[in-house]
Amino acid sequence: MKIGFIGLGIMGEAMCRNIIRKNDGTVYVYDFVKEKVDLLVKEGAVACACSLEAAQKADMIITMVPRSEHSRAVVNEVLPALDKTKVYVDMSTIDPDVSVELSKMVKKTGADFLDAPVVKSRPAAEAGKLGIYVGGSEEGYRKILPVLSYMGENIIRMGDNGKGLVMKICHNALVSQIQNGVNETSALAAKNGIDILTYAEAISYGGGQNFYLDSKKNAIANEDYTTAFSIANMHKDVHICLDLAEQSGLAMPGEENAARVYDEAMEKGYGSEDFCATVKVVRDRKPC
């Protein structure tokens, strides 16, 4: 199968590299940063001058871009290249209602459209062990599953278009609240002489053990905020969640609290750092 991959950022580059290594057909790549394209050309990909060219040459178009406006821009650009022979898979994390709108635009051309956002961060993307939530038709899901399996090992269809994104937003909202609990309680432990690694070991003995703490304890201990998943991206996802909650008529005070932490982290200029750097915001807070 000929695959076009558009968007080679922190996650997209690693995901695309797995496709190049495992797919029998040609992989066409495009990103507005030429250096990112060049890296994957060295691994066997074929460079394209724009998103439209990638869509014209591919049977399956995969996009991995930062925000709703970027997904919309790519769809608008590639629409002339779409027909019933092609399938479009947006793996970006965007607003679910925008994704549903885009799915209708794509389907009018005869092409199928599925949302397939991913969970876990860069190391899992490099290892081909992402979790992937899919929204779209059962037939489309079966068609794209072999390619998704190049990138992930836990793949689940959540329902029709947009449902993969709803699940991704619920997942990241839960992570943000677990993270904030870790931030607050580890900060309290530190104020009373218990370092983060000792805290993490003790937490692992009880019901509070969680993947976030297990995977981030060393980074927090070393104050190493090298980005695997950025504060800016999680800030986006937290606010997508609150918008979705409002549309659904649901109050989410826990997520509102997490959003305040992320808002403050953005104001402090931490946006490009790893999302575990939110601990700095919580440590600096004083009682009201």
C-alpha atoms as a PDB file:
ATOM      1  CA  MET A   1       0.000   0.000   0.000  1.00  0.00           C
ATOM      2  CA  LYS A   2       1.173   3.518  -0.812  1.00  0.00           C
ATOM      3  CA  ILE A   3       0.926   5.732   2.253  1.00  0.00           C
ATOM      4  CA  GLY A   4       1.160   9.502   2.534  1.00  0.00           C
ATOM      5  CA  PHE A   5       2.179  10.802   5.961  1.00  0.00           C
ATOM      6  CA  ILE A   6       1.673  14.508   6.693  1.00  0.00           C
ATOM      7  CA  GLY A   7       3.040  16.027   9.911  1.00  0.00           C
ATOM      8  CA  LEU A   8       6.441  14.916  11.216  1.00  0.00           C
ATOM      9  CA  GLY A   9       6.605  16.434  14.681  1.00  0.00           C
ATOM     10  CA  ILE A  10       7.706  14.767  17.921  1.00  0.00           C
ATOM     11  CA  MET A  11       5.165  11.954  17.532  1.00  0.00           C
ATOM     12  CA  GLY A  12       4.622  11.953  13.784  1.00  0.00           C
ATOM     13  CA  GLU A  13       8.279  11.414  12.938  1.00  0.00           C
ATOM     14  CA  ALA A  14       8.528   8.323  15.148  1.00  0.00           C
ATOM     15  CA  MET A  15       5.190   6.946  13.946  1.00  0.00           C
ATOM     16  CA  CYS A  16       6.101   7.438  10.297  1.00  0.00           C
ATOM     17  CA  ARG A  17       9.491   5.802  10.798  1.00  0.00           C
ATOM     18  CA  ASN A  18       7.744   2.608  11.918  1.00  0.00           C
ATOM     19  CA  ILE A  19       5.556   2.659   8.821  1.00  0.00           C
ATOM     20  CA  ILE A  20       8.595   3.097   6.571  1.00  0.00           C
ATOM     21  CA  ARG A  21      10.320   0.126   8.204  1.00  0.00           C
ATOM     22  CA  LYS A  22       7.309  -2.193   8.180  1.00  0.00           C
ATOM     23  CA  ASN A  23       5.245  -1.259   5.121  1.00  0.00           C
ATOM     24  CA  ASP A  24       5.901  -3.017   1.803  1.00  0.00           C
ATOM     25  CA  GLY A  25       4.855  -0.058  -0.329  1.00  0.00           C
ATOM     26  CA  THR A  26       6.147   3.489  -0.788  1.00  0.00           C
ATOM     27  CA  VAL A  27       5.725   6.039   2.000  1.00  0.00           C
ATOM     28  CA  TYR A  28       5.360   9.650   0.853  1.00  0.00           C
ATOM     29  CA  VAL A  29       6.075  12.314   3.478  1.00  0.00           C
ATOM     30  CA  TYR A  30       5.467  16.026   3.917  1.00  0.00           C
ATOM     31  CA  ASP A  31       6.124  18.562   6.650  1.00  0.00           C
ATOM     32  CA  PHE A  32       6.624  22.291   6.315  1.00  0.00           C
ATOM     33  CA  VAL A  33       9.984  21.832   8.103  1.00  0.00           C
ATOM     34  CA  LYS A  34      12.248  20.452   5.371  1.00  0.00           C
ATOM     35  CA  GLU A  35      14.798  19.023   7.819  1.00  0.00           C
ATOM     36  CA  LYS A  36      12.155  16.682   9.232  1.00  0.00           C
ATOM     37  CA  VAL A  37      11.335  15.423   5.766  1.00  0.00           C
ATOM     38  CA  ASP A  38      15.025  14.915   4.993  1.00  0.00           C
ATOM     39  CA  LEU A  39      15.455  12.700   8.077  1.00  0.00           C
ATOM     40  CA  LEU A  40      12.837  10.258   6.847  1.00  0.00           C
ATOM     41  CA  VAL A  41      13.975  10.364   3.241  1.00  0.00           C
ATOM     42  CA  LYS A  42      17.265   8.948   4.529  1.00  0.00           C
ATOM     43  CA  GLU A  43      15.237   6.011   5.892  1.00  0.00           C
ATOM     44  CA  GLY A  44      13.532   5.314   2.581  1.00  0.00           C
ATOM     45  CA  ALA A  45      10.586   7.712   2.391  1.00  0.00           C
ATOM     46  CA  VAL A  46       9.849   9.825  -0.688  1.00  0.00           C
ATOM     47  CA  ALA A  47       9.618  13.584  -0.127  1.00  0.00           C
ATOM     48  CA  CYS A  48       6.639  15.591  -1.344  1.00  0.00           C
ATOM     49  CA  ALA A  49       6.512  19.320  -1.936  1.00  0.00           C
ATOM     50  CA  CYS A  50       3.092  19.730  -0.298  1.00  0.00           C
ATOM     51  CA  SER A  51       0.224  17.861   1.345  1.00  0.00           C
ATOM     52  CA  LEU A  52      -1.695  17.699  -1.932  1.00  0.00           C
ATOM     53  CA  GLU A  53       1.152  15.858  -3.664  1.00  0.00           C
ATOM     54  CA  ALA A  54       1.287  13.289  -0.857  1.00  0.00           C
ATOM     55  CA  ALA A  55      -2.466  12.729  -1.129  1.00  0.00           C
ATOM     56  CA  GLN A  56      -2.323  12.414  -4.909  1.00  0.00           C
ATOM     57  CA  LYS A  57       0.298   9.665  -4.750  1.00  0.00           C
ATOM     58  CA  ALA A  58      -1.004   7.689  -1.758  1.00  0.00           C
ATOM     59  CA  ASP A  59      -3.776   5.140  -1.229  1.00  0.00           C
ATOM     60  CA  MET A  60      -3.958   6.034   2.470  1.00  0.00           C
ATOM     61  CA  ILE A  61      -3.368   9.553   3.764  1.00  0.00           C
ATOM     62  CA  ILE A  62      -2.343   9.883   7.427  1.00  0.00           C
ATOM     63  CA  THR A  63      -2.149  13.241   9.173  1.00  0.00           C
ATOM     64  CA  MET A  64      -0.543  13.992  12.535  1.00  0.00           C
ATOM     65  CA  VAL A  65      -0.764  17.752  13.085  1.00  0.00           C
ATOM     66  CA  PRO A  66      -1.081  19.881  16.235  1.00  0.00           C
ATOM     67  CA  ARG A  67      -4.524  21.525  16.206  1.00  0.00           C
ATOM     68  CA  SER A  68      -7.989  21.618  14.680  1.00  0.00           C
ATOM     69  CA  GLU A  69      -7.088  24.493  12.380  1.00  0.00           C
ATOM     70  CA  HIS A  70      -4.166  22.478  10.992  1.00  0.00           C
ATOM     71  CA  SER A  71      -6.318  19.407  10.316  1.00  0.00           C
ATOM     72  CA  ARG A  72      -8.874  21.632   8.604  1.00  0.00           C
ATOM     73  CA  ALA A  73      -6.181  23.259   6.452  1.00  0.00           C
ATOM     74  CA  VAL A  74      -4.794  19.905   5.298  1.00  0.00           C
ATOM     75  CA  VAL A  75      -8.241  18.521   4.449  1.00  0.00           C
ATOM     76  CA  ASN A  76      -9.094  21.620   2.440  1.00  0.00           C
ATOM     77  CA  GLU A  77      -5.811  21.327   0.532  1.00  0.00           C
ATOM     78  CA  VAL A  78      -6.089  17.636  -0.323  1.00  0.00           C
ATOM     79  CA  LEU A  79      -9.811  17.404  -1.160  1.00  0.00           C
ATOM     80  CA  PRO A  80      -9.175  17.605  -4.933  1.00  0.00           C
ATOM     81  CA  ALA A  81      -7.035  14.451  -4.697  1.00  0.00           C
ATOM     82  CA  LEU A  82      -9.593  12.345  -2.839  1.00  0.00           C
ATOM     83  CA  ASP A  83     -11.920   9.754  -4.348  1.00  0.00           C
ATOM     84  CA  LYS A  84     -13.421   6.363  -3.522  1.00  0.00           C
ATOM     85  CA  THR A  85     -10.034   4.639  -3.923  1.00  0.00           C
ATOM     86  CA  LYS A  86      -8.532   6.476  -0.926  1.00  0.00           C
ATOM     87  CA  VAL A  87      -8.866   6.487   2.845  1.00  0.00           C
ATOM     88  CA  TYR A  88      -8.006   9.429   5.083  1.00  0.00           C
ATOM     89  CA  VAL A  89      -6.842   8.828   8.670  1.00  0.00           C
ATOM     90  CA  ASP A  90      -6.397  11.824  10.959  1.00  0.00           C
ATOM     91  CA  MET A  91      -4.324  10.807  13.981  1.00  0.00           C
ATOM     92  CA  SER A  92      -4.168  14.346  15.359  1.00  0.00           C
ATOM     93  CA  THR A  93      -5.803  15.270  18.661  1.00  0.00           C
ATOM     94  CA  ILE A  94      -8.374  17.901  17.727  1.00  0.00           C
ATOM     95  CA  ASP A  95     -11.896  18.963  18.688  1.00  0.00           C
ATOM     96  CA  PRO A  96     -14.268  16.025  18.090  1.00  0.00           C
ATOM     97  CA  ASP A  97     -16.918  18.222  16.474  1.00  0.00           C
ATOM     98  CA  VAL A  98     -14.344  19.582  14.016  1.00  0.00           C
ATOM     99  CA  SER A  99     -13.306  16.018  13.153  1.00  0.00           C
ATOM    100  CA  VAL A 100     -16.914  15.048  12.453  1.00  0.00           C
ATOM    101  CA  GLU A 101     -17.240  18.093  10.185  1.00  0.00           C
ATOM    102  CA  LEU A 102     -14.070  17.095   8.319  1.00  0.00           C
ATOM    103  CA  SER A 103     -15.287  13.507   7.978  1.00  0.00           C
ATOM    104  CA  LYS A 104     -18.383  14.744   6.135  1.00  0.00           C
ATOM    105  CA  MET A 105     -16.258  16.851   3.781  1.00  0.00           C
ATOM    106  CA  VAL A 106     -13.984  13.910   2.968  1.00  0.00           C
ATOM    107  CA  LYS A 107     -16.816  11.402   2.529  1.00  0.00           C
ATOM    108  CA  LYS A 108     -18.469  13.621  -0.078  1.00  0.00           C
ATOM    109  CA  THR A 109     -15.490  12.831  -2.340  1.00  0.00           C
ATOM    110  CA  GLY A 110     -16.094   9.089  -1.979  1.00  0.00           C
ATOM    111  CA  ALA A 111     -13.076   8.572   0.285  1.00  0.00           C
ATOM    112  CA  ASP A 112     -13.474   7.151   3.779  1.00  0.00           C
ATOM    113  CA  PHE A 113     -12.395   9.117   6.871  1.00  0.00           C
ATOM    114  CA  LEU A 114     -11.407   7.890  10.319  1.00  0.00           C
ATOM    115  CA  ASP A 115     -10.068   9.630  13.411  1.00  0.00           C
ATOM    116  CA  ALA A 116      -7.343   7.637  15.160  1.00  0.00           C
ATOM    117  CA  PRO A 117      -5.681   9.657  17.943  1.00  0.00           C
ATOM    118  CA  VAL A 118      -2.904   8.053  19.950  1.00  0.00           C
ATOM    119  CA  VAL A 119      -2.039   7.743  23.628  1.00  0.00           C
ATOM    120  CA  LYS A 120       1.369   7.450  25.306  1.00  0.00           C
ATOM    121  CA  SER A 121       4.317   9.590  24.279  1.00  0.00           C
ATOM    122  CA  ARG A 122       7.488   9.609  22.162  1.00  0.00           C
ATOM    123  CA  PRO A 123       9.178   6.456  23.589  1.00  0.00           C
ATOM    124  CA  ALA A 124       6.078   4.376  22.828  1.00  0.00           C
ATOM    125  CA  ALA A 125       5.855   5.922  19.358  1.00  0.00           C
ATOM    126  CA  GLU A 126       9.470   4.946  18.691  1.00  0.00           C
ATOM    127  CA  ALA A 127       8.822   1.390  19.901  1.00  0.00           C
ATOM    128  CA  GLY A 128       5.602   1.012  17.888  1.00  0.00           C
ATOM    129  CA  LYS A 129       3.658   0.497  21.129  1.00  0.00           C
ATOM    130  CA  LEU A 130       1.150   3.330  21.076  1.00  0.00           C
ATOM    131  CA  GLY A 131      -2.469   2.979  22.114  1.00  0.00           C
ATOM    132  CA  ILE A 132      -4.811   4.048  19.312  1.00  0.00           C
ATOM    133  CA  TYR A 133      -8.509   4.968  19.585  1.00  0.00           C
ATOM    134  CA  VAL A 134     -10.426   4.816  16.303  1.00  0.00           C
ATOM    135  CA  GLY A 135     -13.628   6.534  15.253  1.00  0.00           C
ATOM    136  CA  GLY A 136     -15.226   5.570  11.942  1.00  0.00           C
ATOM    137  CA  SER A 137     -16.929   2.757  10.094  1.00  0.00           C
ATOM    138  CA  GLU A 138     -16.253  -0.881  10.910  1.00  0.00           C
ATOM    139  CA  GLU A 139     -15.260  -1.461   7.280  1.00  0.00           C
ATOM    140  CA  GLY A 140     -12.825   1.460   7.360  1.00  0.00           C
ATOM    141  CA  TYR A 141     -11.406   0.248  10.669  1.00  0.00           C
ATOM    142  CA  ARG A 142     -10.662  -3.194   9.233  1.00  0.00           C
ATOM    143  CA  LYS A 143      -9.012  -1.567   6.213  1.00  0.00           C
ATOM    144  CA  ILE A 144      -6.623   0.621   8.212  1.00  0.00           C
ATOM    145  CA  LEU A 145      -5.915  -1.798  11.082  1.00  0.00           C
ATOM    146  CA  PRO A 146      -2.796  -3.380   9.492  1.00  0.00           C
ATOM    147  CA  VAL A 147      -1.189   0.042   9.063  1.00  0.00           C
ATOM    148  CA  LEU A 148      -2.187   1.192  12.547  1.00  0.00           C
ATOM    149  CA  SER A 149      -0.545  -1.988  13.838  1.00  0.00           C
ATOM    150  CA  TYR A 150       2.799  -0.711  12.548  1.00  0.00           C
ATOM    151  CA  MET A 151       2.515   2.111  15.100  1.00  0.00           C
ATOM    152  CA  GLY A 152       0.570   0.673  18.018  1.00  0.00           C
ATOM    153  CA  GLU A 153      -0.137  -2.542  19.880  1.00  0.00           C
ATOM    154  CA  ASN A 154      -3.378  -1.615  21.671  1.00  0.00           C
ATOM    155  CA  ILE A 155      -5.949  -0.515  19.094  1.00  0.00           C
ATOM    156  CA  ILE A 156      -9.672  -0.189  19.715  1.00  0.00           C
ATOM    157  CA  ARG A 157     -12.588   1.100  17.637  1.00  0.00           C
ATOM    158  CA  MET A 158     -14.717   3.359  19.836  1.00  0.00           C
ATOM    159  CA  GLY A 159     -17.604   3.923  17.411  1.00  0.00           C
ATOM    160  CA  ASP A 160     -18.464   6.300  14.594  1.00  0.00           C
ATOM    161  CA  ASN A 161     -16.538   9.378  13.467  1.00  0.00           C
ATOM    162  CA  GLY A 162     -15.372  11.541  16.352  1.00  0.00           C
ATOM    163  CA  LYS A 163     -15.626   8.819  18.996  1.00  0.00           C
ATOM    164  CA  GLY A 164     -11.904   8.042  18.901  1.00  0.00           C
ATOM    165  CA  LEU A 165     -11.254  11.670  19.761  1.00  0.00           C
ATOM    166  CA  VAL A 166     -13.859  11.711  22.526  1.00  0.00           C
ATOM    167  CA  MET A 167     -12.034   8.786  24.126  1.00  0.00           C
ATOM    168  CA  LYS A 168      -8.627  10.434  23.654  1.00  0.00           C
ATOM    169  CA  ILE A 169      -9.863  13.600  25.348  1.00  0.00           C
ATOM    170  CA  CYS A 170     -11.344  11.585  28.239  1.00  0.00           C
ATOM    171  CA  HIS A 171      -8.032   9.732  28.574  1.00  0.00           C
ATOM    172  CA  ASN A 172      -5.905  12.865  28.666  1.00  0.00           C
ATOM    173  CA  ALA A 173      -8.290  14.593  31.053  1.00  0.00           C
ATOM    174  CA  LEU A 174      -7.898  11.675  33.456  1.00  0.00           C
ATOM    175  CA  VAL A 175      -4.108  11.831  33.074  1.00  0.00           C
ATOM    176  CA  SER A 176      -4.147  15.575  33.817  1.00  0.00           C
ATOM    177  CA  GLN A 177      -6.074  14.985  37.045  1.00  0.00           C
ATOM    178  CA  ILE A 178      -3.850  12.081  38.125  1.00  0.00           C
ATOM    179  CA  GLN A 179      -0.867  14.276  37.336  1.00  0.00           C
ATOM    180  CA  ASN A 180      -2.228  17.129  39.428  1.00  0.00           C
ATOM    181  CA  GLY A 181      -2.780  14.746  42.329  1.00  0.00           C
ATOM    182  CA  VAL A 182       0.842  13.601  42.002  1.00  0.00           C
ATOM    183  CA  ASN A 183       2.025  17.214  41.789  1.00  0.00           C
ATOM    184  CA  GLU A 184       0.161  18.296  44.909  1.00  0.00           C
ATOM    185  CA  THR A 185       0.899  15.303  47.123  1.00  0.00           C
ATOM    186  CA  SER A 186       4.567  15.023  46.085  1.00  0.00           C
ATOM    187  CA  ALA A 187       4.977  18.749  46.773  1.00  0.00           C
ATOM    188  CA  LEU A 188       3.462  18.255  50.225  1.00  0.00           C
ATOM    189  CA  ALA A 189       5.786  15.290  50.832  1.00  0.00           C
ATOM    190  CA  ALA A 190       8.779  17.398  49.760  1.00  0.00           C
ATOM    191  CA  LYS A 191       7.777  20.192  52.143  1.00  0.00           C
ATOM    192  CA  ASN A 192       8.012  17.593  54.893  1.00  0.00           C
ATOM    193  CA  GLY A 193      11.363  16.089  53.935  1.00  0.00           C
ATOM    194  CA  ILE A 194      10.359  13.227  51.634  1.00  0.00           C
ATOM    195  CA  ASP A 195      12.036  13.312  48.199  1.00  0.00           C
ATOM    196  CA  ILE A 196      10.211  12.369  45.001  1.00  0.00           C
ATOM    197  CA  LEU A 197      11.894   8.968  44.549  1.00  0.00           C
ATOM    198  CA  THR A 198      11.132   7.874  48.105  1.00  0.00           C
ATOM    199  CA  TYR A 199       7.585   9.201  47.677  1.00  0.00           C
ATOM    200  CA  ALA A 200       7.182   7.221  44.438  1.00  0.00           C
ATOM    201  CA  GLU A 201       8.430   4.000  46.022  1.00  0.00           C
ATOM    202  CA  ALA A 202       6.048   4.405  48.941  1.00  0.00           C
ATOM    203  CA  ILE A 203       3.112   5.166  46.627  1.00  0.00           C
ATOM    204  CA  SER A 204       3.861   1.962  44.695  1.00  0.00           C
ATOM    205  CA  TYR A 205       3.068  -0.071  47.828  1.00  0.00           C
ATOM    206  CA  GLY A 206      -0.573   1.015  47.817  1.00  0.00           C
ATOM    207  CA  GLY A 207      -3.596   1.885  45.707  1.00  0.00           C
ATOM    208  CA  GLY A 208      -2.130   5.207  44.597  1.00  0.00           C
ATOM    209  CA  GLN A 209       0.348   3.615  42.191  1.00  0.00           C
ATOM    210  CA  ASN A 210      -0.057   5.023  38.687  1.00  0.00           C
ATOM    211  CA  PHE A 211       1.671   4.948  35.312  1.00  0.00           C
ATOM    212  CA  TYR A 212       2.251   8.700  35.243  1.00  0.00           C
ATOM    213  CA  LEU A 213       4.299   8.706  38.452  1.00  0.00           C
ATOM    214  CA  ASP A 214       6.140   5.502  37.565  1.00  0.00           C
ATOM    215  CA  SER A 215       7.191   6.912  34.194  1.00  0.00           C
ATOM    216  CA  LYS A 216       7.991  10.477  35.288  1.00  0.00           C
ATOM    217  CA  LYS A 217       9.531  10.138  38.764  1.00  0.00           C
ATOM    218  CA  ASN A 218      13.130  10.183  37.516  1.00  0.00           C
ATOM    219  CA  ALA A 219      12.546  13.140  35.221  1.00  0.00           C
ATOM    220  CA  ILE A 220      10.982  15.073  38.105  1.00  0.00           C
ATOM    221  CA  ALA A 221      13.792  14.070  40.469  1.00  0.00           C
ATOM    222  CA  ASN A 222      16.413  15.231  37.973  1.00  0.00           C
ATOM    223  CA  GLU A 223      14.395  18.283  36.911  1.00  0.00           C
ATOM    224  CA  ASP A 224      14.784  17.004  33.361  1.00  0.00           C
ATOM    225  CA  TYR A 225      11.876  18.443  31.419  1.00  0.00           C
ATOM    226  CA  THR A 226      13.013  17.269  27.972  1.00  0.00           C
ATOM    227  CA  THR A 227       9.832  17.075  25.960  1.00  0.00           C
ATOM    228  CA  ALA A 228       8.160  13.762  25.253  1.00  0.00           C
ATOM    229  CA  PHE A 229       4.710  15.420  25.357  1.00  0.00           C
ATOM    230  CA  SER A 230       4.567  19.168  25.738  1.00  0.00           C
ATOM    231  CA  ILE A 231       2.708  21.357  28.191  1.00  0.00           C
ATOM    232  CA  ALA A 232       1.329  23.280  25.200  1.00  0.00           C
ATOM    233  CA  ASN A 233      -0.231  20.130  23.732  1.00  0.00           C
ATOM    234  CA  MET A 234      -1.738  19.012  27.031  1.00  0.00           C
ATOM    235  CA  HIS A 235      -2.998  22.562  27.643  1.00  0.00           C
ATOM    236  CA  LYS A 236      -4.843  22.259  24.308  1.00  0.00           C
ATOM    237  CA  ASP A 237      -6.319  18.875  25.231  1.00  0.00           C
ATOM    238  CA  VAL A 238      -7.460  20.015  28.677  1.00  0.00           C
ATOM    239  CA  HIS A 239      -9.368  22.897  27.139  1.00  0.00           C
ATOM    240  CA  ILE A 240     -10.863  20.677  24.427  1.00  0.00           C
ATOM    241  CA  CYS A 241     -12.153  18.542  27.301  1.00  0.00           C
ATOM    242  CA  LEU A 242     -13.760  21.512  29.036  1.00  0.00           C
ATOM    243  CA  ASP A 243     -15.380  22.612  25.772  1.00  0.00           C
ATOM    244  CA  LEU A 244     -16.707  19.083  25.223  1.00  0.00           C
ATOM    245  CA  ALA A 245     -17.992  18.953  28.802  1.00  0.00           C
ATOM    246  CA  GLU A 246     -19.831  22.245  28.318  1.00  0.00           C
ATOM    247  CA  GLN A 247     -21.367  20.990  25.060  1.00  0.00           C
ATOM    248  CA  SER A 248     -22.430  17.834  26.927  1.00  0.00           C
ATOM    249  CA  GLY A 249     -23.946  19.717  29.883  1.00  0.00           C
ATOM    250  CA  LEU A 250     -21.477  18.253  32.387  1.00  0.00           C
ATOM    251  CA  ALA A 251     -19.547  20.022  35.132  1.00  0.00           C
ATOM    252  CA  MET A 252     -15.933  18.843  35.584  1.00  0.00           C
ATOM    253  CA  PRO A 253     -14.447  20.736  38.566  1.00  0.00           C
ATOM    254  CA  GLY A 254     -11.413  18.442  38.731  1.00  0.00           C
ATOM    255  CA  GLU A 255     -10.545  19.212  35.138  1.00  0.00           C
ATOM    256  CA  GLU A 256     -11.164  22.918  35.712  1.00  0.00           C
ATOM    257  CA  ASN A 257      -8.522  22.776  38.439  1.00  0.00           C
ATOM    258  CA  ALA A 258      -6.081  20.987  36.112  1.00  0.00           C
ATOM    259  CA  ALA A 259      -6.770  23.656  33.478  1.00  0.00           C
ATOM    260  CA  ARG A 260      -5.806  26.400  35.923  1.00  0.00           C
ATOM    261  CA  VAL A 261      -2.442  24.695  36.460  1.00  0.00           C
ATOM    262  CA  TYR A 262      -1.879  24.433  32.719  1.00  0.00           C
ATOM    263  CA  ASP A 263      -2.962  28.032  32.146  1.00  0.00           C
ATOM    264  CA  GLU A 264      -0.408  29.163  34.718  1.00  0.00           C
ATOM    265  CA  ALA A 265       2.298  26.953  33.196  1.00  0.00           C
ATOM    266  CA  MET A 266       1.680  28.568  29.813  1.00  0.00           C
ATOM    267  CA  GLU A 267       1.790  32.053  31.354  1.00  0.00           C
ATOM    268  CA  LYS A 268       5.152  31.204  32.947  1.00  0.00           C
ATOM    269  CA  GLY A 269       6.578  30.244  29.548  1.00  0.00           C
ATOM    270  CA  TYR A 270       6.785  26.481  30.160  1.00  0.00           C
ATOM    271  CA  GLY A 271       4.770  25.555  27.047  1.00  0.00           C
ATOM    272  CA  SER A 272       7.605  23.840  25.164  1.00  0.00           C
ATOM    273  CA  GLU A 273       8.700  21.767  28.185  1.00  0.00           C
ATOM    274  CA  ASP A 274       7.485  18.263  28.981  1.00  0.00           C
ATOM    275  CA  PHE A 275       4.097  18.185  30.645  1.00  0.00           C
ATOM    276  CA  CYS A 276       5.606  16.878  33.879  1.00  0.00           C
ATOM    277  CA  ALA A 277       7.040  20.388  34.335  1.00  0.00           C
ATOM    278  CA  THR A 278       3.628  21.400  35.707  1.00  0.00           C
ATOM    279  CA  VAL A 279       5.048  20.256  39.039  1.00  0.00           C
ATOM    280  CA  LYS A 280       6.965  23.559  39.121  1.00  0.00           C
ATOM    281  CA  VAL A 281       3.694  25.481  39.076  1.00  0.00           C
ATOM    282  CA  VAL A 282       2.211  23.516  41.956  1.00  0.00           C
ATOM    283  CA  ARG A 283       5.382  23.654  44.075  1.00  0.00           C
ATOM    284  CA  ASP A 284       5.417  27.449  43.811  1.00  0.00           C
ATOM    285  CA  ARG A 285       1.813  27.962  44.864  1.00  0.00           C
ATOM    286  CA  LYS A 286       1.003  29.439  48.269  1.00  0.00           C
ATOM    287  CA  PRO A 287      -2.117  28.803  50.382  1.00  0.00           C
ATOM    288  CA  CYS A 288      -5.015  31.158  49.659  1.00  0.00           C
END
